[in-house]
Protein backbone atom coordinates (compact mmCIF):
# COMPACT_ATOMS: atom_id res chain seq x y z
CA UNK A 1 -23.24 -4.08 25.87
CA UNK A 2 -21.88 -7.76 26.73
CA UNK A 3 -19.30 -6.26 28.99
CA UNK A 4 -22.71 -5.04 31.43
CA UNK A 5 -24.62 -8.17 30.70
CA UNK A 6 -21.78 -10.26 31.93
CA UNK A 7 -21.28 -8.14 35.16
CA UNK A 8 -24.80 -8.48 35.67
CA UNK A 9 -25.47 -4.55 35.36
CA UNK A 10 -27.80 -5.19 32.34
CA UNK A 11 -30.13 -8.06 31.60
CA UNK A 12 -30.86 -7.79 28.27
CA UNK A 13 -28.78 -5.88 25.11
CA UNK A 14 -31.38 -3.17 23.92
CA UNK A 15 -28.92 -2.47 20.74
CA UNK A 16 -30.40 -6.28 19.48
CA UNK A 17 -32.45 -5.84 15.92
CA UNK A 18 -32.13 -2.40 15.50
CA UNK A 19 -30.94 -1.38 11.95
CA UNK A 20 -29.09 0.88 11.09
CA UNK A 21 -30.71 2.90 7.36
CA UNK A 22 -27.93 3.75 4.41
CA UNK A 23 -28.11 7.08 3.52
CA UNK A 24 -30.21 6.77 0.51
CA UNK A 25 -27.84 9.14 -2.31
CA UNK A 26 -29.91 11.69 -3.91
CA UNK A 27 -29.91 12.03 -8.10
CA UNK A 28 -27.59 15.59 -8.04
CA UNK A 29 -25.49 13.83 -5.56
CA UNK A 30 -24.31 10.63 -7.95
CA UNK A 31 -24.29 12.96 -10.85
CA UNK A 32 -21.54 14.86 -9.21
CA UNK A 33 -19.95 12.25 -7.89
CA UNK A 34 -16.83 11.93 -9.91
CA UNK A 35 -15.93 8.14 -11.16
CA UNK A 36 -11.84 9.21 -11.89
CA UNK A 37 -11.50 9.23 -8.00
CA UNK A 38 -12.33 5.63 -7.36
CA UNK A 39 -10.05 3.72 -9.68
CA UNK A 40 -5.97 3.26 -10.30
CA UNK A 41 -4.96 4.50 -13.38
CA UNK A 42 -2.88 1.94 -15.21
CA UNK A 43 0.69 2.98 -13.72
CA UNK A 44 -0.36 3.57 -10.30
CA UNK A 45 -1.47 0.48 -10.37
CA UNK A 46 1.42 -0.94 -11.25
CA UNK A 47 3.59 1.26 -8.82
CA UNK A 48 1.39 -0.24 -6.37
CA UNK A 49 2.11 -4.30 -7.57
CA UNK A 50 5.47 -3.74 -7.45
CA UNK A 51 5.79 -1.68 -3.54
CA UNK A 52 3.53 -4.91 -2.71
CA UNK A 53 5.86 -7.45 -4.53
CA UNK A 54 8.88 -6.11 -3.28
CA UNK A 55 7.99 -4.24 0.21
CA UNK A 56 4.71 -6.54 1.37
CA UNK A 57 4.12 -9.08 3.85
CA UNK A 58 4.07 -12.76 2.88
CA UNK A 59 0.73 -13.65 0.68
CA UNK A 60 -0.13 -10.03 0.24
CA UNK A 61 0.49 -10.00 -3.56
CA UNK A 62 -1.77 -13.31 -3.88
CA UNK A 63 -4.61 -11.25 -1.83
CA UNK A 64 -4.91 -8.44 -4.47
CA UNK A 65 -4.28 -10.43 -7.58
CA UNK A 66 -7.32 -12.02 -6.05
CA UNK A 67 -9.13 -9.69 -5.55
CA UNK A 68 -7.88 -7.99 -9.31
CA UNK A 69 -9.01 -11.30 -10.68
CA UNK A 70 -12.25 -10.88 -9.50
CA UNK A 71 -13.06 -8.03 -12.03
CA UNK A 72 -10.41 -9.88 -14.79
CA UNK A 73 -12.63 -9.94 -17.62
CA UNK A 74 -13.37 -6.38 -17.82
CA UNK A 75 -9.74 -5.57 -17.58
CA UNK A 76 -8.03 -3.73 -21.02
CA UNK A 77 -5.58 -5.93 -22.62
CA UNK A 78 -2.62 -3.11 -21.54
CA UNK A 79 -3.79 -3.26 -17.82
CA UNK A 80 -3.94 -7.16 -18.59
CA UNK A 81 -0.35 -7.63 -20.02
CA UNK A 82 1.17 -4.83 -17.20
CA UNK A 83 -0.28 -7.70 -14.63
CA UNK A 84 1.20 -10.39 -16.47
CA UNK A 85 4.21 -8.82 -16.34
CA UNK A 86 4.81 -8.91 -12.64
């Protein structure tokens, strides 16, 4: 739409103010969703962090630690020790 307005093909943007609603999950859908696929196991997380450390772009490991550290308070002692070894 920005292109059309810029080239005087359209005077206004009809999409302004449009709201896209999120799909509401039913109780059945929530109950059938497996939480196991949403999180990495300890060994998978360790492999991922090691690969990021050795093969990642500059500052990748710092960004990942920031993301992980956001909820680090809930991590198990084993996970904390694995992360600190890296």
